[in-house]
Amino acid sequence: MFKKLNDFSYARSGKEVLGFYLAYLLFIIILSAVVSSVLIGSGFVDPGEGINTGMRLGTTVSVTCSIVLSLLMVQKKKLSGNFGYILLSLMAGLLASVGGGLIGLIIPTYFTTKKIKGKKK
């Protein structure tokens, strides 16, 4: 279920897709918490505004991770010649800005099911 999480050229089955989604959702949550706490702890952010800032930083981390994951998969699966896939990658960022990592990871998770272009089974 959690095998080859960093192999972005690997075509996943249904159970592996769920593992990928859960693992990267947890990664985004932890990364958002770490970034927020570091910025609050270092004095860049007023602790009284911690929740609001944490929400904005969490959204920023979600958008960035969703776009980067999507573009990495498009590149590794040799789909970058198709402009539609690049637009879908950017849509992942738009979805993440609306619903965080929970919704933003839908498109990267879809890309994990695609096979490498030109590769036979």
N, C-alpha and C. Protein backbone atom coordinates (compact mmCIF):
# COMPACT_ATOMS: atom_id res chain seq x y z
N MET A 1 0.81 -1.19 0.00
CA MET A 1 0.00 0.00 0.00
C MET A 1 0.86 1.26 0.00
N PHE A 2 1.95 1.24 0.73
CA PHE A 2 2.80 2.42 0.84
C PHE A 2 4.14 2.25 0.12
N LYS A 3 4.20 1.35 -0.85
CA LYS A 3 5.47 1.13 -1.52
C LYS A 3 5.68 2.15 -2.63
N LYS A 4 6.93 2.45 -2.88
CA LYS A 4 7.35 3.34 -3.97
C LYS A 4 6.66 4.71 -3.91
N LEU A 5 6.57 5.29 -2.73
CA LEU A 5 5.90 6.59 -2.59
C LEU A 5 6.65 7.71 -3.30
N ASN A 6 7.96 7.57 -3.43
CA ASN A 6 8.75 8.61 -4.09
C ASN A 6 9.06 8.30 -5.55
N ASP A 7 8.54 7.22 -6.06
CA ASP A 7 8.73 6.87 -7.46
C ASP A 7 7.54 7.43 -8.24
N PHE A 8 7.72 8.60 -8.84
CA PHE A 8 6.62 9.29 -9.49
C PHE A 8 6.32 8.75 -10.89
N SER A 9 7.13 7.82 -11.37
CA SER A 9 6.85 7.22 -12.67
C SER A 9 6.06 5.91 -12.51
N TYR A 10 5.89 5.45 -11.30
CA TYR A 10 5.21 4.18 -11.01
C TYR A 10 3.70 4.33 -11.17
N ALA A 11 3.07 3.40 -11.89
CA ALA A 11 1.62 3.40 -12.06
C ALA A 11 1.01 2.57 -10.93
N ARG A 12 0.21 3.21 -10.11
CA ARG A 12 -0.34 2.58 -8.90
C ARG A 12 -1.71 1.94 -9.14
N SER A 13 -1.98 0.92 -8.33
CA SER A 13 -3.30 0.28 -8.34
C SER A 13 -4.20 1.02 -7.33
N GLY A 14 -5.44 0.59 -7.19
CA GLY A 14 -6.39 1.27 -6.32
C GLY A 14 -5.95 1.37 -4.87
N LYS A 15 -5.45 0.28 -4.32
CA LYS A 15 -5.00 0.26 -2.93
C LYS A 15 -3.76 1.15 -2.76
N GLU A 16 -2.87 1.12 -3.73
CA GLU A 16 -1.66 1.93 -3.66
C GLU A 16 -1.98 3.42 -3.81
N VAL A 17 -3.02 3.74 -4.58
CA VAL A 17 -3.44 5.13 -4.74
C VAL A 17 -3.91 5.68 -3.39
N LEU A 18 -4.67 4.88 -2.65
CA LEU A 18 -5.13 5.30 -1.33
C LEU A 18 -3.94 5.53 -0.40
N GLY A 19 -2.96 4.63 -0.44
CA GLY A 19 -1.75 4.80 0.37
C GLY A 19 -0.98 6.06 0.01
N PHE A 20 -0.87 6.33 -1.30
CA PHE A 20 -0.19 7.54 -1.75
C PHE A 20 -0.91 8.78 -1.24
N TYR A 21 -2.23 8.80 -1.38
CA TYR A 21 -3.03 9.95 -0.96
C TYR A 21 -2.87 10.20 0.55
N LEU A 22 -3.01 9.15 1.34
CA LEU A 22 -2.90 9.30 2.80
C LEU A 22 -1.51 9.73 3.23
N ALA A 23 -0.48 9.15 2.61
CA ALA A 23 0.89 9.48 2.98
C ALA A 23 1.20 10.94 2.66
N TYR A 24 0.83 11.41 1.49
CA TYR A 24 1.13 12.79 1.12
C TYR A 24 0.21 13.79 1.82
N LEU A 25 -0.98 13.39 2.20
CA LEU A 25 -1.84 14.26 2.99
C LEU A 25 -1.21 14.46 4.38
N LEU A 26 -0.74 13.39 4.97
CA LEU A 26 -0.05 13.49 6.26
C LEU A 26 1.22 14.33 6.13
N PHE A 27 1.96 14.15 5.04
CA PHE A 27 3.17 14.95 4.80
C PHE A 27 2.83 16.44 4.74
N ILE A 28 1.78 16.80 4.02
CA ILE A 28 1.39 18.21 3.89
C ILE A 28 0.96 18.77 5.25
N ILE A 29 0.23 18.00 6.03
CA ILE A 29 -0.21 18.46 7.35
C ILE A 29 1.00 18.71 8.25
N ILE A 30 1.92 17.77 8.28
CA ILE A 30 3.10 17.91 9.14
C ILE A 30 3.99 19.06 8.65
N LEU A 31 4.20 19.16 7.34
CA LEU A 31 5.02 20.24 6.80
C LEU A 31 4.40 21.60 7.11
N SER A 32 3.09 21.72 6.99
CA SER A 32 2.40 22.98 7.31
C SER A 32 2.58 23.34 8.78
N ALA A 33 2.47 22.37 9.66
CA ALA A 33 2.63 22.61 11.09
C ALA A 33 4.06 23.04 11.41
N VAL A 34 5.02 22.39 10.79
CA VAL A 34 6.43 22.73 11.04
C VAL A 34 6.74 24.14 10.55
N VAL A 35 6.31 24.47 9.33
CA VAL A 35 6.57 25.80 8.78
C VAL A 35 5.91 26.87 9.65
N SER A 36 4.67 26.64 10.05
CA SER A 36 3.96 27.60 10.89
C SER A 36 4.64 27.78 12.24
N SER A 37 5.01 26.70 12.88
CA SER A 37 5.63 26.81 14.20
C SER A 37 7.01 27.44 14.14
N VAL A 38 7.75 27.18 13.08
CA VAL A 38 9.07 27.81 12.94
C VAL A 38 8.91 29.31 12.76
N LEU A 39 7.99 29.73 11.92
CA LEU A 39 7.80 31.16 11.70
C LEU A 39 7.24 31.86 12.93
N ILE A 40 6.35 31.21 13.65
CA ILE A 40 5.82 31.80 14.88
C ILE A 40 6.89 31.82 15.97
N GLY A 41 7.64 30.73 16.09
CA GLY A 41 8.70 30.64 17.10
C GLY A 41 9.86 31.59 16.86
N SER A 42 10.13 31.90 15.60
CA SER A 42 11.25 32.78 15.30
C SER A 42 10.87 34.26 15.38
N GLY A 43 9.62 34.56 15.64
CA GLY A 43 9.20 35.94 15.81
C GLY A 43 8.75 36.65 14.55
N PHE A 44 8.70 35.94 13.44
CA PHE A 44 8.22 36.55 12.20
C PHE A 44 6.72 36.80 12.24
N VAL A 45 6.04 36.03 13.09
CA VAL A 45 4.59 36.11 13.18
C VAL A 45 4.21 36.32 14.64
N ASP A 46 3.26 37.22 14.88
CA ASP A 46 2.76 37.46 16.23
C ASP A 46 2.00 36.23 16.72
N PRO A 47 2.32 35.71 17.91
CA PRO A 47 1.63 34.52 18.41
C PRO A 47 0.11 34.71 18.53
N GLY A 48 -0.35 35.92 18.72
CA GLY A 48 -1.78 36.18 18.79
C GLY A 48 -2.48 35.93 17.46
N GLU A 49 -1.73 36.04 16.39
CA GLU A 49 -2.26 35.79 15.05
C GLU A 49 -1.88 34.40 14.55
N GLY A 50 -1.47 33.54 15.46
CA GLY A 50 -0.95 32.23 15.10
C GLY A 50 -1.90 31.37 14.30
N ILE A 51 -3.15 31.30 14.70
CA ILE A 51 -4.12 30.45 13.99
C ILE A 51 -4.36 30.96 12.57
N ASN A 52 -4.58 32.27 12.45
CA ASN A 52 -4.82 32.85 11.12
C ASN A 52 -3.61 32.67 10.21
N THR A 53 -2.44 32.92 10.76
CA THR A 53 -1.22 32.76 9.97
C THR A 53 -0.99 31.30 9.63
N GLY A 54 -1.26 30.43 10.58
CA GLY A 54 -1.11 28.99 10.34
C GLY A 54 -2.02 28.51 9.22
N MET A 55 -3.22 29.03 9.18
CA MET A 55 -4.16 28.66 8.11
C MET A 55 -3.64 29.14 6.74
N ARG A 56 -3.14 30.38 6.70
CA ARG A 56 -2.61 30.90 5.43
C ARG A 56 -1.37 30.13 4.99
N LEU A 57 -0.49 29.84 5.94
CA LEU A 57 0.72 29.08 5.60
C LEU A 57 0.37 27.65 5.19
N GLY A 58 -0.60 27.06 5.85
CA GLY A 58 -1.03 25.72 5.48
C GLY A 58 -1.59 25.67 4.07
N THR A 59 -2.35 26.68 3.71
CA THR A 59 -2.87 26.76 2.34
C THR A 59 -1.74 26.93 1.34
N THR A 60 -0.78 27.78 1.67
CA THR A 60 0.37 27.99 0.78
C THR A 60 1.16 26.70 0.59
N VAL A 61 1.39 25.97 1.66
CA VAL A 61 2.12 24.70 1.57
C VAL A 61 1.31 23.70 0.74
N SER A 62 0.00 23.65 0.94
CA SER A 62 -0.85 22.72 0.18
C SER A 62 -0.82 23.02 -1.31
N VAL A 63 -0.94 24.30 -1.65
CA VAL A 63 -0.92 24.69 -3.06
C VAL A 63 0.42 24.32 -3.68
N THR A 64 1.50 24.66 -3.00
CA THR A 64 2.84 24.39 -3.52
C THR A 64 3.07 22.89 -3.70
N CYS A 65 2.75 22.10 -2.69
CA CYS A 65 2.96 20.65 -2.77
C CYS A 65 2.11 20.02 -3.87
N SER A 66 0.87 20.45 -3.99
CA SER A 66 -0.01 19.86 -5.02
C SER A 66 0.50 20.14 -6.42
N ILE A 67 0.93 21.38 -6.67
CA ILE A 67 1.45 21.73 -7.99
C ILE A 67 2.77 21.00 -8.26
N VAL A 68 3.66 20.98 -7.29
CA VAL A 68 4.97 20.34 -7.49
C VAL A 68 4.79 18.84 -7.73
N LEU A 69 3.96 18.17 -6.93
CA LEU A 69 3.72 16.74 -7.13
C LEU A 69 3.13 16.46 -8.51
N SER A 70 2.16 17.27 -8.91
CA SER A 70 1.54 17.07 -10.23
C SER A 70 2.56 17.25 -11.35
N LEU A 71 3.34 18.31 -11.28
CA LEU A 71 4.31 18.57 -12.35
C LEU A 71 5.42 17.51 -12.37
N LEU A 72 5.82 17.02 -11.20
CA LEU A 72 6.82 15.94 -11.16
C LEU A 72 6.29 14.69 -11.84
N MET A 73 5.04 14.36 -11.59
CA MET A 73 4.46 13.17 -12.21
C MET A 73 4.28 13.33 -13.72
N VAL A 74 3.86 14.52 -14.13
CA VAL A 74 3.72 14.78 -15.56
C VAL A 74 5.07 14.62 -16.25
N GLN A 75 6.13 15.12 -15.61
CA GLN A 75 7.46 15.01 -16.20
C GLN A 75 7.95 13.56 -16.20
N LYS A 76 7.83 12.87 -15.07
CA LYS A 76 8.34 11.50 -14.96
C LYS A 76 7.58 10.52 -15.85
N LYS A 77 6.30 10.78 -16.08
CA LYS A 77 5.50 9.89 -16.92
C LYS A 77 5.50 10.32 -18.38
N LYS A 78 6.33 11.30 -18.68
CA LYS A 78 6.52 11.79 -20.06
C LYS A 78 5.21 12.26 -20.69
N LEU A 79 4.43 12.99 -19.91
CA LEU A 79 3.16 13.52 -20.38
C LEU A 79 3.22 15.03 -20.61
N SER A 80 4.41 15.61 -20.50
CA SER A 80 4.53 17.07 -20.58
C SER A 80 4.27 17.61 -21.98
N GLY A 81 4.20 16.76 -22.98
CA GLY A 81 3.87 17.21 -24.33
C GLY A 81 2.39 17.52 -24.49
N ASN A 82 1.59 17.08 -23.54
CA ASN A 82 0.15 17.32 -23.58
C ASN A 82 -0.17 18.51 -22.67
N PHE A 83 -0.63 19.60 -23.28
CA PHE A 83 -0.90 20.82 -22.53
C PHE A 83 -2.02 20.63 -21.51
N GLY A 84 -2.93 19.72 -21.78
CA GLY A 84 -4.03 19.45 -20.85
C GLY A 84 -3.54 18.96 -19.50
N TYR A 85 -2.50 18.14 -19.50
CA TYR A 85 -1.94 17.65 -18.24
C TYR A 85 -1.26 18.76 -17.46
N ILE A 86 -0.64 19.68 -18.16
CA ILE A 86 -0.01 20.81 -17.48
C ILE A 86 -1.10 21.70 -16.86
N LEU A 87 -2.19 21.92 -17.58
CA LEU A 87 -3.31 22.68 -17.02
C LEU A 87 -3.92 21.97 -15.81
N LEU A 88 -4.03 20.65 -15.88
CA LEU A 88 -4.53 19.89 -14.73
C LEU A 88 -3.61 20.06 -13.52
N SER A 89 -2.31 20.12 -13.76
CA SER A 89 -1.36 20.33 -12.67
C SER A 89 -1.60 21.67 -12.00
N LEU A 90 -1.85 22.69 -12.79
CA LEU A 90 -2.14 24.00 -12.22
C LEU A 90 -3.49 24.01 -11.52
N MET A 91 -4.44 23.24 -12.04
CA MET A 91 -5.75 23.11 -11.38
C MET A 91 -5.62 22.48 -9.99
N ALA A 92 -4.61 21.65 -9.81
CA ALA A 92 -4.37 21.06 -8.49
C ALA A 92 -4.09 22.17 -7.48
N GLY A 93 -3.34 23.18 -7.90
CA GLY A 93 -3.08 24.32 -7.02
C GLY A 93 -4.34 25.10 -6.71
N LEU A 94 -5.17 25.26 -7.72
CA LEU A 94 -6.45 25.98 -7.51
C LEU A 94 -7.34 25.19 -6.54
N LEU A 95 -7.41 23.89 -6.72
CA LEU A 95 -8.21 23.07 -5.81
C LEU A 95 -7.65 23.12 -4.39
N ALA A 96 -6.33 23.13 -4.26
CA ALA A 96 -5.70 23.20 -2.94
C ALA A 96 -5.97 24.55 -2.28
N SER A 97 -6.06 25.60 -3.07
CA SER A 97 -6.35 26.91 -2.48
C SER A 97 -7.77 26.96 -1.93
N VAL A 98 -8.66 26.16 -2.48
CA VAL A 98 -10.05 26.12 -2.01
C VAL A 98 -10.20 25.14 -0.84
N GLY A 99 -9.61 23.95 -0.96
CA GLY A 99 -9.84 22.90 0.02
C GLY A 99 -8.61 22.34 0.69
N GLY A 100 -7.48 23.01 0.57
CA GLY A 100 -6.25 22.51 1.19
C GLY A 100 -5.76 21.23 0.55
N GLY A 101 -4.94 20.51 1.29
CA GLY A 101 -4.37 19.28 0.77
C GLY A 101 -5.40 18.19 0.54
N LEU A 102 -6.49 18.27 1.27
CA LEU A 102 -7.55 17.26 1.15
C LEU A 102 -8.10 17.19 -0.26
N ILE A 103 -8.33 18.33 -0.88
CA ILE A 103 -8.85 18.37 -2.25
C ILE A 103 -7.72 18.55 -3.26
N GLY A 104 -6.68 19.26 -2.87
CA GLY A 104 -5.57 19.53 -3.79
C GLY A 104 -4.83 18.29 -4.25
N LEU A 105 -4.87 17.23 -3.46
CA LEU A 105 -4.16 16.00 -3.82
C LEU A 105 -4.94 15.09 -4.77
N ILE A 106 -6.14 15.48 -5.13
CA ILE A 106 -6.95 14.64 -6.01
C ILE A 106 -6.28 14.49 -7.38
N ILE A 107 -5.81 15.57 -7.95
CA ILE A 107 -5.20 15.50 -9.29
C ILE A 107 -3.85 14.77 -9.26
N PRO A 108 -2.95 15.08 -8.30
CA PRO A 108 -1.72 14.27 -8.25
C PRO A 108 -2.01 12.78 -8.05
N THR A 109 -3.04 12.47 -7.27
CA THR A 109 -3.40 11.07 -7.05
C THR A 109 -3.90 10.44 -8.35
N TYR A 110 -4.64 11.20 -9.13
CA TYR A 110 -5.09 10.71 -10.45
C TYR A 110 -3.88 10.42 -11.34
N PHE A 111 -2.89 11.32 -11.33
CA PHE A 111 -1.70 11.13 -12.17
C PHE A 111 -0.93 9.87 -11.78
N THR A 112 -1.03 9.43 -10.53
CA THR A 112 -0.30 8.22 -10.13
C THR A 112 -0.83 6.97 -10.82
N THR A 113 -2.05 7.03 -11.33
CA THR A 113 -2.63 5.86 -12.00
C THR A 113 -2.22 5.77 -13.46
N LYS A 114 -1.67 6.83 -14.01
CA LYS A 114 -1.28 6.86 -15.43
C LYS A 114 0.02 6.10 -15.63
N LYS A 115 0.12 5.45 -16.77
CA LYS A 115 1.36 4.75 -17.14
C LYS A 115 2.29 5.72 -17.86
N ILE A 116 3.56 5.36 -17.91
CA ILE A 116 4.53 6.19 -18.64
C ILE A 116 4.15 6.17 -20.11
N LYS A 117 4.13 7.33 -20.73
CA LYS A 117 3.73 7.44 -22.14
C LYS A 117 4.72 6.68 -23.02
N GLY A 118 4.19 5.85 -23.87
CA GLY A 118 5.02 5.10 -24.80
C GLY A 118 5.52 3.77 -24.26
N LYS A 119 5.29 3.50 -22.97
CA LYS A 119 5.76 2.25 -22.36
C LYS A 119 4.67 1.19 -22.45
N LYS A 120 5.04 0.02 -22.92
CA LYS A 120 4.11 -1.10 -22.99
C LYS A 120 4.02 -1.73 -21.61
N LYS A 121 2.84 -2.13 -21.20
CA LYS A 121 2.57 -2.78 -19.92
C LYS A 121 3.80 -2.94 -19.14
